Protein backbone atom coordinates (compact mmCIF):
# COMPACT_ATOMS: atom_id res chain seq x y z
CA MET A 1 8.41 12.51 0.43
CA SER A 2 5.71 10.59 2.77
CA ALA A 3 2.39 9.21 1.97
CA SER A 4 0.93 11.87 3.84
CA ALA A 5 1.64 14.24 1.33
CA THR A 6 -1.55 16.48 -0.30
CA PRO A 7 -3.35 14.64 -2.88
CA ASN A 8 -3.10 15.97 -6.15
CA LEU A 9 -5.78 17.43 -8.13
CA PHE A 10 -6.88 15.17 -11.14
CA GLY A 11 -3.07 13.99 -11.74
CA ARG A 12 -2.32 10.98 -13.73
CA CYS A 13 -2.95 7.52 -11.71
CA GLN A 14 0.16 5.23 -11.87
CA GLY A 15 -2.06 2.02 -11.91
CA CYS A 16 -4.46 2.49 -14.04
CA GLY A 17 -3.82 5.53 -16.07
CA GLU A 18 -6.22 7.86 -15.56
CA MET A 19 -6.43 11.15 -14.78
CA ARG A 20 -8.03 11.19 -11.45
CA PRO A 21 -7.57 12.60 -8.02
CA THR A 22 -4.38 10.88 -6.48
CA ALA A 23 -2.63 10.24 -3.22
CA LEU A 24 1.19 9.09 -2.75
CA ILE A 25 1.04 5.67 -1.10
CA SER A 26 3.81 3.50 0.14
CA PHE A 27 2.38 -0.42 0.75
CA HIS A 28 5.30 -3.17 2.18
CA ARG A 29 5.01 -6.93 1.46
CA ASN A 30 6.68 -9.29 2.49
CA VAL A 31 7.36 -13.55 1.62
CA GLY A 32 8.79 -15.42 4.28
CA MET A 33 10.82 -18.87 2.83
CA LEU A 34 11.60 -20.25 6.04
CA VAL A 35 15.56 -18.96 5.86
CA VAL A 36 15.35 -16.32 3.74
CA ARG A 37 12.82 -13.49 2.88
CA ARG A 38 12.01 -11.66 0.50
CA THR A 39 10.48 -7.58 -0.19
CA TYR A 40 8.15 -5.79 -2.11
CA ASN A 41 7.27 -1.90 -1.87
CA LEU A 42 5.27 0.13 -3.72
CA ASP A 43 5.11 4.02 -3.48
CA ALA A 44 3.12 5.34 -6.13
CA GLU A 45 0.24 8.10 -6.55
CA LEU A 46 -2.97 6.32 -7.15
CA CYS A 47 -6.57 6.99 -7.54
CA LYS A 48 -9.11 5.94 -4.67
CA SER A 49 -9.82 2.67 -6.28
CA CYS A 50 -6.50 1.60 -7.36
CA ILE A 51 -5.53 2.37 -3.50
CA HIS A 52 -8.54 -0.22 -2.35
CA LYS A 53 -7.02 -2.49 -4.83
CA ARG A 54 -3.54 -2.49 -4.34
CA PHE A 55 -4.35 -2.75 -0.57
CA TRP A 56 -6.26 -5.68 -0.10
CA GLU A 57 -3.75 -7.21 -2.93
CA PHE A 58 -0.69 -6.61 -0.02
CA THR A 59 -2.80 -7.03 2.87
CA GLY A 60 -3.47 -10.59 1.62
CA LYS A 61 -0.36 -11.94 0.30
CA ASN A 62 0.96 -10.26 3.71
CA LEU A 63 -1.02 -12.81 5.66
CA LEU A 64 -0.72 -15.43 3.28
CA LEU A 65 2.94 -15.84 2.53
CA GLY A 66 4.43 -13.08 5.20
CA PRO A 67 4.95 -15.03 8.07
CA TRP A 68 7.00 -18.21 7.27
CA GLY A 69 10.47 -17.62 8.85
CA ILE A 70 11.71 -16.15 12.09
CA ILE A 71 12.45 -12.99 11.07
CA SER A 72 9.57 -12.52 8.92
CA LEU A 73 7.08 -13.12 11.57
CA ILE A 74 8.66 -9.60 13.14
CA VAL A 75 8.38 -7.76 10.13
CA THR A 76 4.87 -8.98 8.32
CA PRO A 77 3.10 -7.56 11.34
CA ILE A 78 5.00 -4.49 11.45
CA TYR A 79 4.07 -4.16 7.41
CA LEU A 80 0.24 -4.91 7.60
CA LEU A 81 0.40 -1.58 10.11
CA GLN A 82 2.03 0.69 8.37
CA ASN A 83 0.01 -0.50 5.48
CA THR A 84 -3.46 0.41 7.37
CA GLY A 85 -1.77 3.43 8.42
CA SER A 86 -0.98 4.51 4.88
CA TYR A 87 -4.49 3.49 3.63
CA LEU A 88 -6.26 4.99 5.97
CA ALA A 89 -4.18 8.62 5.82
CA ALA A 90 -4.54 8.49 1.64
CA LEU A 91 -8.24 7.51 1.43
CA TYR A 92 -8.86 10.36 4.16
CA LYS A 93 -7.17 12.86 1.95
CA LEU A 94 -9.15 11.85 -1.16
CA ARG A 95 -12.41 11.27 0.91
CA ASP A 96 -14.19 14.13 -1.27
CA ALA A 97 -13.11 12.36 -4.01
CA PRO A 98 -15.28 10.30 -6.54
CA PRO A 99 -15.18 6.40 -5.98
């Protein structure tokens, strides 16, 4: 299932555990280490406030730790664009939900 799925009406947020309107979100983070790299993924049903929190967490770490390697120089910008697209799509789906 992709991040473009319809939001649940008052599901349990997998971030904070509260019963709120949620949307399926998928974020990716890259950590470049010159020769090797490590990838982290988050696929979860999150509420609007948890989506904001996780997006900025993944974006900050991508910018700070992402581009330290040859492959990472290519992968990190792709992850940043993917995460931004997922973030905006989820916020659009939850546009009528309370903050």
